[in-house]
Amino acid sequence: MNEDVRLIVWVRGRVQGVGFRWFTRANALEIGDLRGFASNLADGRVQVVAEGSRHSCEKLLDWLRAGDTPGRVDGVTEIWDTPRGAYDSFAIR
């Protein structure tokens, strides 16, 4: 079962000003089959929205949680949803 899904993630910690969004985009492109974005939020978190196969989204989520990211991740919160198909690629916002 590898249906398309939408993954919304909020990453907290020292994740702004350290290249976190750029590395998230690079990782999403390396995984492949992902569309969406990574964006800084006013409260210091980074929001990541990814649409694609469940397997690809899970790989991205595992990477975000693994700690092999720029900066320091203190916590990751995610919500799974139905894809909306609004993205053509994976962007930095």
Protein backbone atom coordinates (compact mmCIF):
# COMPACT_ATOMS: atom_id res chain seq x y z
CA MET A 1 0.00 0.00 0.00
CA ASN A 2 1.89 3.04 -1.25
CA GLU A 3 -0.81 5.59 -2.01
CA ASP A 4 -0.06 9.28 -2.34
CA VAL A 5 -0.31 11.29 0.88
CA ARG A 6 0.26 14.79 2.22
CA LEU A 7 2.67 15.18 5.14
CA ILE A 8 2.75 18.41 7.15
CA VAL A 9 5.64 18.71 9.60
CA TRP A 10 6.64 21.36 12.13
CA VAL A 11 10.27 21.17 13.23
CA ARG A 12 11.38 23.03 16.34
CA GLY A 13 14.88 23.70 17.63
CA ARG A 14 17.71 25.71 16.11
CA VAL A 15 16.48 25.28 12.55
CA GLN A 16 16.52 28.80 11.11
CA GLY A 17 19.64 30.48 9.72
CA VAL A 18 21.54 27.19 9.48
CA GLY A 19 20.62 25.95 5.98
CA PHE A 20 17.88 23.68 7.27
CA ARG A 21 15.37 24.47 4.50
CA TRP A 22 18.02 24.07 1.80
CA PHE A 23 19.09 20.66 3.14
CA THR A 24 15.45 19.61 3.51
CA ARG A 25 14.82 20.47 -0.14
CA ALA A 26 18.00 18.66 -1.24
CA ASN A 27 16.97 15.58 0.74
CA ALA A 28 13.42 15.65 -0.68
CA LEU A 29 14.84 15.85 -4.22
CA GLU A 30 17.23 12.98 -3.47
CA ILE A 31 14.39 10.83 -2.14
CA GLY A 32 12.41 11.69 -5.27
CA ASP A 33 8.66 11.58 -5.84
CA LEU A 34 8.10 14.52 -3.46
CA ARG A 35 6.51 17.89 -4.09
CA GLY A 36 5.95 20.66 -1.55
CA PHE A 37 8.02 23.20 0.37
CA ALA A 38 10.03 24.08 3.46
CA SER A 39 9.29 27.45 5.07
CA ASN A 40 10.49 29.42 8.11
CA LEU A 41 7.75 30.36 10.58
CA ALA A 42 7.71 33.53 12.68
CA ASP A 43 8.00 31.51 15.93
CA GLY A 44 11.36 29.96 14.94
CA ARG A 45 10.06 26.64 13.63
CA VAL A 46 10.31 25.33 10.09
CA GLN A 47 7.20 23.97 8.39
CA VAL A 48 7.66 21.23 5.80
CA VAL A 49 4.81 20.19 3.51
CA ALA A 50 5.44 17.18 1.28
CA GLU A 51 3.16 15.31 -1.09
CA GLY A 52 4.05 12.04 -2.75
CA SER A 53 4.07 8.33 -2.02
CA ARG A 54 3.70 7.33 1.62
CA HIS A 55 7.08 5.60 1.44
CA SER A 56 8.84 8.76 0.21
CA CYS A 57 7.12 10.95 2.82
CA GLU A 58 8.10 8.49 5.57
CA LYS A 59 11.73 8.62 4.39
CA LEU A 60 11.69 12.43 4.62
CA LEU A 61 10.09 12.30 8.07
CA ASP A 62 12.69 9.75 9.25
CA TRP A 63 15.47 12.08 8.05
CA LEU A 64 13.93 15.06 9.85
CA ARG A 65 13.79 13.02 13.07
CA ALA A 66 17.22 11.40 12.74
CA GLY A 67 19.20 14.45 13.83
CA ASP A 68 21.44 14.32 10.73
CA THR A 69 20.22 17.80 9.81
CA PRO A 70 21.79 21.26 10.00
CA GLY A 71 21.27 23.04 13.30
CA ARG A 72 19.55 21.18 16.11
CA VAL A 73 16.15 19.51 16.02
CA ASP A 74 14.42 19.47 19.41
CA GLY A 75 11.11 18.07 18.22
CA VAL A 76 9.06 17.10 15.19
CA THR A 77 5.26 17.15 14.97
CA GLU A 78 3.50 15.72 11.93
CA ILE A 79 0.02 15.46 10.48
CA TRP A 80 -0.94 13.12 7.63
CA ASP A 81 -3.59 14.26 5.16
CA THR A 82 -4.94 13.80 1.65
CA PRO A 83 -2.76 15.33 -1.09
CA ARG A 84 -4.06 18.46 -2.78
CA GLY A 85 -1.83 18.36 -5.86
CA ALA A 86 -0.95 22.05 -5.64
CA TYR A 87 2.84 21.68 -6.06
CA ASP A 88 4.96 21.01 -9.14
CA SER A 89 8.30 20.61 -7.33
CA PHE A 90 9.88 20.94 -3.89
CA ALA A 91 10.62 24.58 -3.06
CA ILE A 92 12.11 26.76 -0.33
CA ARG A 93 9.80 29.53 0.84
